[in-house]
Amino acid sequence: MGYPWNFGDLLDATAAQVPPDRPAIVQGDRVIAWPAFDQATNRLARAMIAAGLEPGARVAILARNVPEYIEISAASFKARMASVNVNYRYTTPEIAHLMSDSQAAMLLYQPEFAAVVAPLADSHPDLQLVAIDAGGRYGDWVSQGDGAPLGIARSGDDGYLIYTGGTTGKPKGVVWRAADARTTQLESPAASSVPQSLDDHIAAVRANTAPHRVLPACPLMHGAGMTSSLAELVNGGTVVLLPDGPFDAGVLLDTVQQHRVTRILIVGDVFARPMVEALQREPGRWDTSPLRIISSAGLMWSREMKQALVAAIPQVVLVDILGASEASGLGYAVTSATRETPTGWFEPGPRTVLIDPETLRVLGPDEPGTGWIARHGAVGSGYFGDPEKTAATYREIDGLRYAIPGDLAARDTDGRLRLIGRGSQVINTGGEKVFAEEVEEALKRAPGVTDAIVIGIPDETWGKAVVAVIAVREGYDEAAARLALQADLARYKLPKRIVVVDTLPRHPSGKSDYRAALDIVLGGAA
């Protein structure tokens, strides 16, 4: 076991060291200095405790990229409670499931989601619903009362939940201990130092007079967005948020220039391509000289886009992160002006291995071959309330506990890993995981649809696009079916294309033949 890191202790220690005029969070003209951030999160932590929440209680957050999202996460750590990410694209039934599955005690939500949240008052009467409103209960919580540190004993076992798409069925919450999460942060190639104790950490914060300013262009409700932002905050840095609204590469680059951003978090080519197009369309418009790192996780980041970014911003280092909600730091691909990695290839993390899918044998560190990507050491603790799924993903082999999220890779003779893909039917579209099974079941409930197979096809913008192959009865109307789907599914799960066939391809066992369905769509067999 490593040092028992706790993010509440780290935030307290950091706040005591940083200059009082240094911003903790910036969004447009709104600047929250470190003392104000520290006091607001201490007050919010006390308010949660006063509201009757016990240590370990789940606190769900339904919000876009706003400062309050970070405040709530930090306060949860300080109060020894477990934050829960909620996808702001979810419908009421999807949120209701997540509240039940996580056994959440409180849901804090932006007022724009009030209509989606309102039915939960009846379906989940014990769930405390709190609007993130400066003029309401939340505003009182963060502005009134004792803003000093709580002075409570915390533990490395304190943590949080990351809800993930998983492989089948509904989303599941991966439980992370703070000690394990911090350990994986310090394994990143972007980490400038690796403190061994809280005293080491304090000394490093004190000595760091020019910490990073990180801009998460990806949603904070994704694990990579919030945990990477948290990593900069505990180092005494600053989180810079984009203005609310659809992603605009020009606005991103304006923000980088205005606030002297040093690091950006993106999700593959979905973000990289428009950035490249903007930089090539107006070369020299933006001062990107402070920018040092662009990191990505969750979606393909092509070699071509990396090369174009380095050509436009020569001093930047690009860090492509291979990870999962169940286990971070599986691999890294670093690209710079003097170094590059082909698309889909990664250097394995220090505790990453390949496991033979048939025998569960761990391949030797230099042994070429194909297997499940796995890692031991600091990994997630399991899926909240689901011991069966936990046992399937987290396995003990030869005395070591491994996380096996489900991705296959091949190791070359030089030790690098080539990502092959996920062995189950999960579609990664724009950084979001979509379970084919969930969309299929929703389609089967839609009027006129008798059967469905859902696949992902390559897409230049989204990585994969959700496509449905369906069988229908007389009177089927696509507009009516799509209207029904919108009531059940978040918009990113909706099929970009629906292909109607006479009979769906199935194996003799009755299981869906996804390869044949893909051939139908790509070959136009319908």
Protein backbone atom coordinates (compact mmCIF):
# COMPACT_ATOMS: atom_id res chain seq x y z
CA MET A 1 0.00 0.00 0.00
CA GLY A 2 1.25 3.48 -0.86
CA TYR A 3 0.84 6.74 0.97
CA PRO A 4 -2.80 7.22 2.12
CA TRP A 5 -3.51 10.30 0.01
CA ASN A 6 -6.78 12.11 0.65
CA PHE A 7 -7.94 14.95 -1.60
CA GLY A 8 -9.56 16.83 1.28
CA ASP A 9 -6.22 16.93 3.12
CA LEU A 10 -4.38 17.87 -0.08
CA LEU A 11 -6.75 20.75 -0.81
CA ASP A 12 -6.46 22.04 2.77
CA ALA A 13 -2.66 21.87 2.65
CA THR A 14 -2.45 23.52 -0.77
CA ALA A 15 -4.77 26.39 0.14
CA ALA A 16 -2.50 27.27 3.05
CA GLN A 17 0.50 27.63 0.71
CA VAL A 18 -0.64 29.42 -2.45
CA PRO A 19 -0.49 33.22 -2.78
CA PRO A 20 -3.88 34.78 -1.93
CA ASP A 21 -4.18 36.53 -5.29
CA ARG A 22 -3.74 33.35 -7.34
CA PRO A 23 -6.98 32.26 -9.05
CA ALA A 24 -8.31 28.76 -8.40
CA ILE A 25 -11.05 28.87 -11.05
CA VAL A 26 -11.62 31.24 -13.97
CA GLN A 27 -14.59 31.32 -16.34
CA GLY A 28 -14.86 34.38 -18.55
CA ASP A 29 -14.86 37.46 -16.32
CA ARG A 30 -15.55 35.37 -13.21
CA VAL A 31 -12.40 34.81 -11.19
CA ILE A 32 -12.45 32.84 -7.93
CA ALA A 33 -9.24 33.35 -5.98
CA TRP A 34 -7.81 30.54 -3.91
CA PRO A 35 -8.92 31.94 -0.50
CA ALA A 36 -12.50 32.33 -1.75
CA PHE A 37 -12.48 28.83 -3.25
CA ASP A 38 -11.11 27.36 -0.03
CA GLN A 39 -13.67 29.11 2.18
CA ALA A 40 -16.62 28.33 -0.10
CA THR A 41 -15.78 24.63 -0.25
CA ASN A 42 -15.27 24.46 3.53
CA ARG A 43 -18.68 26.08 4.07
CA LEU A 44 -20.30 23.75 1.55
CA ALA A 45 -18.74 20.72 3.25
CA ARG A 46 -20.15 21.86 6.60
CA ALA A 47 -23.57 22.42 5.03
CA MET A 48 -23.64 18.90 3.63
CA ILE A 49 -22.85 17.49 7.06
CA ALA A 50 -25.49 19.74 8.64
CA ALA A 51 -28.02 18.43 6.09
CA GLY A 52 -27.60 15.00 7.66
CA LEU A 53 -25.19 13.37 5.22
CA GLU A 54 -22.88 10.81 6.79
CA PRO A 55 -19.28 9.99 5.72
CA GLY A 56 -19.40 8.00 2.50
CA ALA A 57 -22.81 9.37 1.44
CA ARG A 58 -23.14 9.78 -2.31
CA VAL A 59 -23.50 13.35 -3.57
CA ALA A 60 -24.56 13.53 -7.23
CA ILE A 61 -23.71 16.47 -9.50
CA LEU A 62 -25.79 17.37 -12.56
CA ALA A 63 -24.08 20.35 -14.15
CA ARG A 64 -22.14 21.55 -17.13
CA ASN A 65 -18.62 22.95 -16.90
CA VAL A 66 -19.23 25.60 -14.26
CA PRO A 67 -17.16 26.55 -11.18
CA GLU A 68 -19.81 25.05 -8.92
CA TYR A 69 -19.10 21.57 -10.30
CA ILE A 70 -15.55 21.84 -9.00
CA GLU A 71 -16.71 23.40 -5.72
CA ILE A 72 -19.08 20.51 -5.04
CA SER A 73 -16.44 17.91 -5.86
CA ALA A 74 -13.91 19.58 -3.56
CA ALA A 75 -16.45 19.99 -0.76
CA SER A 76 -17.41 16.32 -1.03
CA PHE A 77 -13.79 15.31 -0.47
CA LYS A 78 -13.48 17.68 2.47
CA ALA A 79 -16.69 16.32 4.06
CA ARG A 80 -15.63 12.68 3.44
CA MET A 81 -18.50 12.12 1.01
CA ALA A 82 -18.43 10.45 -2.41
CA SER A 83 -19.25 12.60 -5.41
CA VAL A 84 -21.19 11.00 -8.29
CA ASN A 85 -21.02 12.27 -11.86
CA VAL A 86 -24.32 12.58 -13.74
CA ASN A 87 -24.37 13.00 -17.51
CA TYR A 88 -26.21 16.26 -18.20
CA ARG A 89 -27.63 14.76 -21.41
CA TYR A 90 -29.58 12.10 -19.48
CA THR A 91 -33.35 11.92 -19.48
CA THR A 92 -35.40 11.63 -16.28
CA PRO A 93 -35.56 7.78 -16.36
CA GLU A 94 -31.79 7.59 -16.87
CA ILE A 95 -31.11 9.94 -13.96
CA ALA A 96 -33.61 8.08 -11.81
CA HIS A 97 -31.78 4.81 -12.43
CA LEU A 98 -28.45 6.37 -11.55
CA MET A 99 -29.86 7.83 -8.32
CA SER A 100 -31.21 4.42 -7.33
CA ASP A 101 -28.07 2.55 -8.34
CA SER A 102 -25.75 4.90 -6.45
CA GLN A 103 -28.15 5.26 -3.50
CA ALA A 104 -27.47 8.98 -3.71
CA ALA A 105 -28.40 11.07 -0.68
CA MET A 106 -28.27 14.42 -2.47
CA LEU A 107 -28.46 15.70 -6.04
CA LEU A 108 -27.14 19.18 -6.79
CA TYR A 109 -28.26 20.41 -10.21
CA GLN A 110 -28.12 23.49 -12.40
CA PRO A 111 -31.50 25.23 -12.66
CA GLU A 112 -31.66 24.56 -16.42
CA PHE A 113 -32.21 20.89 -15.56
CA ALA A 114 -35.07 21.58 -13.13
CA ALA A 115 -37.75 20.08 -15.39
CA VAL A 116 -35.77 16.85 -15.84
CA VAL A 117 -35.09 16.59 -12.10
CA ALA A 118 -38.57 17.53 -10.83
CA PRO A 119 -40.15 14.03 -11.12
CA LEU A 120 -37.48 12.66 -8.78
CA ALA A 121 -39.20 14.40 -5.87
CA ASP A 122 -41.93 11.75 -6.13
CA SER A 123 -39.91 8.73 -7.27
CA HIS A 124 -37.05 9.33 -4.79
CA PRO A 125 -38.60 11.05 -1.75
CA ASP A 126 -35.47 10.59 0.40
CA LEU A 127 -33.19 12.24 -2.17
CA GLN A 128 -32.33 15.83 -1.26
CA LEU A 129 -32.64 18.01 -4.38
CA VAL A 130 -30.62 21.23 -4.29
CA ALA A 131 -30.53 23.72 -7.15
CA ILE A 132 -27.13 25.29 -7.81
CA ASP A 133 -28.50 28.80 -7.54
CA ALA A 134 -26.54 31.78 -6.19
CA GLY A 135 -29.74 33.27 -4.79
CA GLY A 136 -31.05 30.13 -3.14
CA ARG A 137 -30.05 27.40 -0.73
CA TYR A 138 -26.78 26.67 -2.48
CA GLY A 139 -25.80 30.33 -2.51
CA ASP A 140 -26.39 30.53 1.24
CA TRP A 141 -24.35 27.40 1.83
CA VAL A 142 -21.21 28.68 0.07
CA SER A 143 -21.41 32.27 1.32
CA GLN A 144 -22.42 31.93 4.98
CA GLY A 145 -20.94 30.25 8.02
CA ASP A 146 -17.49 29.09 9.03
CA GLY A 147 -15.04 29.04 6.10
CA ALA A 148 -12.09 27.62 8.05
CA PRO A 149 -10.81 24.08 7.46
CA LEU A 150 -13.02 21.41 8.99
CA GLY A 151 -10.24 19.91 11.09
CA ILE A 152 -11.54 16.36 10.74
CA ALA A 153 -9.57 13.14 10.36
CA ARG A 154 -9.85 11.74 6.84
CA SER A 155 -8.72 8.49 5.23
CA GLY A 156 -7.12 7.25 2.02
CA ASP A 157 -10.21 5.05 1.72
CA ASP A 158 -12.42 8.12 1.20
CA GLY A 159 -13.25 8.43 -2.47
CA TYR A 160 -15.79 8.97 -5.20
CA LEU A 161 -17.78 7.20 -7.93
CA ILE A 162 -17.27 7.44 -11.68
CA TYR A 163 -20.29 6.22 -13.62
CA THR A 164 -19.25 4.48 -16.79
CA GLY A 165 -20.87 2.89 -19.78
CA GLY A 166 -19.45 -0.52 -18.93
CA THR A 167 -20.11 -3.39 -21.30
CA THR A 168 -23.77 -4.37 -20.90
CA GLY A 169 -26.93 -3.04 -19.34
CA LYS A 170 -27.17 0.22 -17.45
CA PRO A 171 -24.24 2.43 -16.35
CA LYS A 172 -22.36 1.30 -13.27
CA GLY A 173 -20.44 3.37 -10.74
CA VAL A 174 -16.77 2.53 -10.31
CA VAL A 175 -15.62 3.19 -6.74
CA TRP A 176 -12.23 4.91 -6.43
CA ARG A 177 -10.27 5.32 -3.23
CA ALA A 178 -8.59 8.71 -3.02
CA ALA A 179 -5.24 7.08 -2.28
CA ASP A 180 -5.41 5.02 -5.49
CA ALA A 181 -6.65 7.91 -7.61
CA ARG A 182 -3.82 10.17 -6.45
CA THR A 183 -1.26 7.44 -7.06
CA THR A 184 -2.36 7.10 -10.68
CA GLN A 185 -2.20 10.89 -11.13
CA LEU A 186 1.41 10.85 -10.01
CA GLU A 187 2.24 8.09 -12.53
CA SER A 188 1.37 10.36 -15.46
CA PRO A 189 4.26 11.46 -17.71
CA ALA A 190 2.91 14.99 -17.25
CA ALA A 191 3.63 14.86 -13.50
CA SER A 192 6.65 17.07 -12.77
CA SER A 193 7.41 15.52 -9.37
CA VAL A 194 6.32 12.57 -7.24
CA PRO A 195 5.99 13.50 -3.55
CA GLN A 196 6.13 10.63 -1.07
CA SER A 197 4.26 12.29 1.80
CA LEU A 198 2.04 15.25 2.63
CA ASP A 199 5.11 17.18 3.81
CA ASP A 200 6.77 16.54 0.43
CA HIS A 201 3.61 17.75 -1.28
CA ILE A 202 3.51 20.97 0.78
CA ALA A 203 7.15 21.68 -0.04
CA ALA A 204 6.48 21.15 -3.76
CA VAL A 205 3.47 23.50 -3.74
CA ARG A 206 5.46 26.14 -1.90
CA ALA A 207 8.32 25.88 -4.40
CA ASN A 208 6.07 25.92 -7.48
CA THR A 209 5.76 29.62 -8.29
CA ALA A 210 4.39 29.03 -11.81
CA PRO A 211 1.87 26.15 -11.66
CA HIS A 212 -0.15 25.04 -14.65
CA ARG A 213 -3.34 26.68 -15.83
CA VAL A 214 -5.43 23.81 -17.14
CA LEU A 215 -8.40 24.15 -19.46
CA PRO A 216 -10.72 21.10 -19.57
CA ALA A 217 -12.40 21.42 -22.96
CA CYS A 218 -14.01 18.04 -22.28
CA PRO A 219 -16.93 17.80 -19.83
CA LEU A 220 -16.11 17.79 -16.11
CA MET A 221 -18.72 15.06 -15.70
CA HIS A 222 -16.32 12.73 -17.51
CA GLY A 223 -13.79 11.12 -15.21
CA ALA A 224 -10.76 12.48 -17.09
CA GLY A 225 -12.08 16.05 -17.05
CA MET A 226 -12.65 16.31 -13.31
CA THR A 227 -9.72 14.22 -12.07
CA SER A 228 -7.22 16.05 -14.29
CA SER A 229 -8.59 19.40 -13.14
CA LEU A 230 -8.35 18.23 -9.55
CA ALA A 231 -4.73 17.20 -10.12
CA GLU A 232 -3.84 20.78 -11.10
CA LEU A 233 -5.76 22.27 -8.18
CA VAL A 234 -4.03 20.15 -5.55
CA ASN A 235 -0.72 21.33 -7.04
CA GLY A 236 -1.79 24.92 -6.45
CA GLY A 237 -2.73 25.61 -10.04
CA THR A 238 -5.73 27.13 -11.78
CA VAL A 239 -8.66 25.64 -13.71
CA VAL A 240 -9.84 27.76 -16.65
CA LEU A 241 -13.32 26.92 -17.95
CA LEU A 242 -14.72 27.74 -21.38
CA PRO A 243 -17.83 29.93 -21.59
CA ASP A 244 -21.05 27.95 -21.65
CA GLY A 245 -22.23 26.84 -25.05
CA PRO A 246 -21.31 24.46 -27.88
CA PHE A 247 -17.62 23.78 -28.42
CA ASP A 248 -15.98 26.42 -30.60
CA ALA A 249 -12.28 26.05 -31.41
CA GLY A 250 -11.90 29.80 -31.90
CA VAL A 251 -13.32 30.49 -28.45
CA LEU A 252 -11.00 27.84 -27.00
CA LEU A 253 -7.95 29.50 -28.57
CA ASP A 254 -9.17 32.95 -27.49
CA THR A 255 -9.39 31.63 -23.92
CA VAL A 256 -5.93 30.06 -24.13
CA GLN A 257 -4.50 33.42 -25.17
CA GLN A 258 -6.47 35.54 -22.70
CA HIS A 259 -5.76 33.44 -19.62
CA ARG A 260 -2.29 32.14 -20.52
CA VAL A 261 -3.41 28.51 -20.44
CA THR A 262 -0.56 25.98 -20.19
CA ARG A 263 -2.48 22.71 -20.55
CA ILE A 264 -5.63 21.66 -22.42
CA LEU A 265 -7.71 18.50 -21.96
CA ILE A 266 -9.53 17.26 -25.05
CA VAL A 267 -11.24 14.11 -26.32
CA GLY A 268 -9.43 12.98 -29.46
CA ASP A 269 -10.12 14.19 -32.97
CA VAL A 270 -13.58 15.50 -32.05
CA PHE A 271 -11.75 18.45 -30.47
CA ALA A 272 -8.40 18.26 -32.26
CA ARG A 273 -9.78 18.55 -35.80
CA PRO A 274 -11.62 21.88 -35.32
CA MET A 275 -8.59 23.22 -33.42
CA VAL A 276 -6.33 22.35 -36.35
CA GLU A 277 -8.77 23.84 -38.85
CA ALA A 278 -8.92 27.11 -36.90
CA LEU A 279 -5.12 27.33 -36.54
CA GLN A 280 -4.61 26.63 -40.24
CA ARG A 281 -7.37 29.01 -41.31
CA GLU A 282 -5.92 31.93 -39.35
CA PRO A 283 -2.22 31.28 -38.74
CA GLY A 284 -0.62 33.70 -36.30
CA ARG A 285 -3.93 34.97 -34.92
CA TRP A 286 -3.50 33.43 -31.45
CA ASP A 287 -0.61 33.67 -29.01
CA THR A 288 -0.25 30.06 -27.88
CA SER A 289 3.28 30.46 -26.52
CA PRO A 290 2.30 29.59 -22.88
CA LEU A 291 0.76 26.28 -23.98
CA ARG A 292 2.89 23.29 -22.98
CA ILE A 293 0.65 20.19 -22.92
CA ILE A 294 -2.46 18.98 -24.70
CA SER A 295 -3.74 15.69 -23.33
CA SER A 296 -6.54 13.47 -24.53
CA ALA A 297 -8.40 10.43 -23.25
CA GLY A 298 -11.41 8.43 -24.32
CA LEU A 299 -11.35 8.61 -28.12
CA MET A 300 -9.05 8.10 -31.09
CA TRP A 301 -6.50 10.88 -31.60
CA SER A 302 -5.04 10.41 -35.05
CA ARG A 303 -1.41 10.80 -36.02
CA GLU A 304 -2.40 13.34 -38.68
CA MET A 305 -4.15 15.63 -36.21
CA LYS A 306 -1.24 15.35 -33.77
CA GLN A 307 1.25 16.28 -36.49
CA ALA A 308 -0.84 19.28 -37.50
CA LEU A 309 -1.11 20.52 -33.90
CA VAL A 310 2.64 20.25 -33.35
CA ALA A 311 3.26 22.06 -36.64
CA ALA A 312 1.03 24.93 -35.49
CA ILE A 313 2.26 24.95 -31.86
CA PRO A 314 5.87 23.67 -32.03
CA GLN A 315 6.61 23.77 -28.28
CA VAL A 316 3.59 21.68 -27.28
CA VAL A 317 3.75 18.08 -26.03
CA LEU A 318 0.76 15.89 -26.82
CA VAL A 319 -0.11 13.16 -24.33
CA ASP A 320 -2.59 10.53 -25.54
CA ILE A 321 -3.83 8.59 -22.50
CA LEU A 322 -5.09 5.01 -22.66
CA GLY A 323 -7.28 4.38 -19.66
CA ALA A 324 -10.72 3.41 -18.43
CA SER A 325 -13.01 4.31 -15.58
CA GLU A 326 -11.97 1.05 -13.93
CA ALA A 327 -8.21 1.63 -14.24
CA SER A 328 -6.23 4.72 -15.22
CA GLY A 329 -2.79 4.98 -16.74
CA LEU A 330 -2.87 1.84 -18.87
CA GLY A 331 -0.69 3.48 -21.49
CA TYR A 332 0.56 6.74 -22.96
CA ALA A 333 1.48 7.99 -26.42
CA VAL A 334 3.65 11.12 -26.37
CA THR A 335 4.05 13.29 -29.46
CA SER A 336 6.25 16.37 -29.82
CA ALA A 337 8.36 18.13 -32.44
CA THR A 338 10.98 15.41 -32.02
CA ARG A 339 8.88 12.36 -31.17
CA GLU A 340 5.72 10.72 -32.46
CA THR A 341 3.69 7.55 -32.12
CA PRO A 342 1.44 5.95 -34.81
CA THR A 343 -2.30 6.12 -34.26
CA GLY A 344 -3.50 3.50 -31.80
CA TRP A 345 -0.06 2.67 -30.35
CA PHE A 346 0.86 3.29 -26.70
CA GLU A 347 3.76 2.88 -24.31
CA PRO A 348 2.47 0.69 -21.45
CA GLY A 349 2.11 2.22 -17.99
CA PRO A 350 4.47 1.02 -15.26
CA ARG A 351 1.97 -1.56 -13.96
CA THR A 352 0.29 -2.49 -17.24
CA VAL A 353 0.25 -6.09 -18.51
CA LEU A 354 -1.46 -8.21 -21.14
CA ILE A 355 -3.56 -11.18 -20.02
CA ASP A 356 -4.39 -14.08 -22.32
CA PRO A 357 -8.22 -14.10 -22.67
CA GLU A 358 -8.43 -17.89 -22.77
CA THR A 359 -6.01 -18.97 -20.02
CA LEU A 360 -5.82 -15.76 -17.93
CA ARG A 361 -2.05 -16.10 -18.06
CA VAL A 362 -0.16 -12.84 -17.61
CA LEU A 363 2.18 -12.39 -20.56
CA GLY A 364 5.80 -11.65 -19.70
CA PRO A 365 6.90 -7.99 -19.84
CA ASP A 366 8.79 -8.50 -23.12
CA GLU A 367 6.59 -11.22 -24.57
CA PRO A 368 4.90 -10.29 -27.86
CA GLY A 369 1.30 -11.38 -28.13
CA THR A 370 -2.34 -10.36 -27.84
CA GLY A 371 -4.40 -10.10 -24.70
CA TRP A 372 -6.62 -8.07 -22.42
CA ILE A 373 -5.00 -4.82 -21.28
CA ALA A 374 -4.86 -4.90 -17.48
CA ARG A 375 -3.00 -3.32 -14.60
CA HIS A 376 -2.35 -4.00 -10.95
CA GLY A 377 -1.62 -1.69 -8.04
CA ALA A 378 -3.72 1.47 -7.84
CA VAL A 379 -7.00 0.63 -9.59
CA GLY A 380 -10.69 1.12 -8.89
CA SER A 381 -12.13 -0.80 -5.95
CA GLY A 382 -15.05 -2.25 -7.92
CA TYR A 383 -18.57 -1.42 -9.04
CA PHE A 384 -20.82 0.05 -6.39
CA GLY A 385 -23.36 -2.51 -5.20
CA ASP A 386 -22.45 -5.07 -7.86
CA PRO A 387 -20.13 -7.82 -6.56
CA GLU A 388 -20.77 -10.05 -9.59
CA LYS A 389 -19.64 -7.42 -12.09
CA THR A 390 -16.75 -6.50 -9.79
CA ALA A 391 -15.55 -10.11 -9.71
CA ALA A 392 -15.68 -10.29 -13.52
CA THR A 393 -13.56 -7.16 -14.03
CA TYR A 394 -11.19 -7.27 -11.03
CA ARG A 395 -9.40 -10.60 -10.78
CA GLU A 396 -6.63 -11.98 -8.62
CA ILE A 397 -3.92 -13.80 -10.58
CA ASP A 398 -0.78 -15.18 -8.91
CA GLY A 399 -1.40 -13.09 -5.81
CA LEU A 400 -1.93 -9.75 -7.60
CA ARG A 401 -5.27 -8.02 -8.11
CA TYR A 402 -5.74 -6.85 -11.71
CA ALA A 403 -8.30 -4.54 -13.29
CA ILE A 404 -9.33 -5.88 -16.71
CA PRO A 405 -11.64 -3.24 -18.28
CA GLY A 406 -12.17 -5.22 -21.50
CA ASP A 407 -9.89 -3.75 -24.17
CA LEU A 408 -7.68 -5.98 -26.31
CA ALA A 409 -4.17 -5.03 -27.40
CA ALA A 410 -1.20 -6.57 -29.14
CA ARG A 411 2.37 -6.10 -27.89
CA ASP A 412 5.03 -5.54 -30.54
CA THR A 413 8.64 -6.68 -30.25
CA ASP A 414 9.63 -3.17 -29.13
CA GLY A 415 7.24 -3.39 -26.13
CA ARG A 416 4.65 -0.96 -27.42
CA LEU A 417 0.94 -1.81 -27.33
CA ARG A 418 -1.36 -1.57 -30.34
CA LEU A 419 -4.95 -1.07 -29.25
CA ILE A 420 -7.27 -3.52 -30.99
CA GLY A 421 -10.57 -2.58 -29.38
CA ARG A 422 -13.20 -3.67 -26.93
CA GLY A 423 -14.40 -7.18 -27.05
CA SER A 424 -17.99 -6.24 -26.22
CA GLN A 425 -20.56 -4.18 -28.06
CA VAL A 426 -19.83 -0.75 -26.64
CA ILE A 427 -19.78 2.21 -29.02
CA ASN A 428 -17.50 5.15 -28.18
CA THR A 429 -19.04 8.15 -29.88
CA GLY A 430 -17.56 11.56 -29.19
CA GLY A 431 -16.05 10.31 -25.95
CA GLU A 432 -19.39 8.94 -24.69
CA LYS A 433 -19.95 5.21 -24.18
CA VAL A 434 -23.16 3.88 -25.67
CA PHE A 435 -24.27 0.33 -24.93
CA ALA A 436 -25.67 -1.27 -28.05
CA GLU A 437 -28.01 -3.37 -25.89
CA GLU A 438 -29.64 -0.33 -24.30
CA VAL A 439 -30.37 1.33 -27.66
CA GLU A 440 -31.62 -1.97 -29.09
CA GLU A 441 -34.11 -2.39 -26.27
CA ALA A 442 -35.35 1.18 -26.70
CA LEU A 443 -35.79 0.61 -30.44
CA LYS A 444 -37.81 -2.54 -29.81
CA ARG A 445 -40.21 -0.43 -27.73
CA ALA A 446 -40.60 2.15 -30.50
CA PRO A 447 -43.77 1.98 -32.61
CA GLY A 448 -43.50 -0.23 -35.68
CA VAL A 449 -40.12 -1.77 -34.78
CA THR A 450 -40.01 -5.55 -34.29
CA ASP A 451 -36.28 -6.20 -33.90
CA ALA A 452 -33.01 -4.25 -33.81
CA ILE A 453 -29.24 -4.51 -33.89
CA VAL A 454 -27.15 -1.44 -33.05
CA ILE A 455 -23.55 -1.01 -34.20
CA GLY A 456 -20.91 1.68 -34.40
CA ILE A 457 -19.43 2.61 -37.76
CA PRO A 458 -16.27 4.69 -38.31
CA ASP A 459 -16.98 8.41 -38.36
CA GLU A 460 -14.48 11.21 -38.99
CA THR A 461 -16.05 13.54 -36.46
CA TRP A 462 -17.27 11.27 -33.66
CA GLY A 463 -14.88 8.34 -33.89
CA LYS A 464 -17.88 6.01 -34.12
CA ALA A 465 -21.43 6.83 -35.14
CA VAL A 466 -24.41 4.92 -33.72
CA VAL A 467 -26.33 3.13 -36.49
CA ALA A 468 -29.38 0.89 -36.14
CA VAL A 469 -30.38 -2.02 -38.36
CA ILE A 470 -34.04 -2.84 -37.74
CA ALA A 471 -36.91 -5.03 -38.84
CA VAL A 472 -40.34 -3.38 -38.92
CA ARG A 473 -44.03 -4.12 -39.23
CA GLU A 474 -46.51 -2.52 -41.58
CA GLY A 475 -47.16 1.11 -40.77
CA TYR A 476 -43.66 1.83 -39.44
CA ASP A 477 -42.78 5.52 -39.50
CA GLU A 478 -39.20 6.60 -38.75
CA ALA A 479 -40.24 10.01 -37.41
CA ALA A 480 -42.59 8.41 -34.88
CA ALA A 481 -39.95 5.89 -33.85
CA ARG A 482 -37.36 8.62 -33.34
CA LEU A 483 -39.80 10.63 -31.27
CA ALA A 484 -40.29 7.63 -28.97
CA LEU A 485 -36.54 7.12 -28.67
CA GLN A 486 -36.04 10.72 -27.52
CA ALA A 487 -38.18 10.01 -24.46
CA ASP A 488 -35.98 7.06 -23.44
CA LEU A 489 -32.45 7.98 -24.44
CA ALA A 490 -29.98 10.83 -24.21
CA ARG A 491 -29.44 12.51 -27.57
CA TYR A 492 -25.91 11.17 -28.07
CA LYS A 493 -27.32 7.61 -27.91
CA LEU A 494 -29.81 8.19 -30.73
CA PRO A 495 -28.93 6.46 -34.02
CA LYS A 496 -27.40 8.75 -36.60
CA ARG A 497 -28.84 6.41 -39.23
CA ILE A 498 -31.56 3.76 -39.27
CA VAL A 499 -31.41 0.97 -41.86
CA VAL A 500 -34.52 -1.15 -42.44
CA VAL A 501 -34.09 -4.80 -43.51
CA ASP A 502 -36.46 -7.70 -44.00
CA THR A 503 -34.67 -10.00 -41.55
CA LEU A 504 -31.96 -9.19 -39.03
CA PRO A 505 -28.74 -11.21 -39.25
CA ARG A 506 -28.42 -13.61 -36.35
CA HIS A 507 -26.21 -16.53 -35.40
CA PRO A 508 -27.78 -20.01 -35.10
CA SER A 509 -27.83 -19.47 -31.35
CA GLY A 510 -30.12 -16.50 -31.88
CA LYS A 511 -27.52 -13.95 -30.85
CA SER A 512 -27.12 -10.84 -32.98
CA ASP A 513 -24.56 -11.10 -35.78
CA TYR A 514 -22.92 -7.70 -35.38
CA ARG A 515 -20.32 -8.33 -38.09
CA ALA A 516 -23.03 -9.12 -40.65
CA ALA A 517 -24.97 -6.03 -39.55
CA LEU A 518 -21.86 -3.95 -40.09
CA ASP A 519 -21.47 -5.45 -43.58
CA ILE A 520 -25.09 -4.53 -44.35
CA VAL A 521 -24.52 -0.91 -43.36
CA LEU A 522 -21.09 -0.43 -44.93
CA GLY A 523 -21.88 -2.51 -48.02
CA GLY A 524 -25.36 -1.19 -48.59
CA ALA A 525 -26.79 -4.70 -48.60
CA ALA A 526 -30.13 -3.39 -47.37
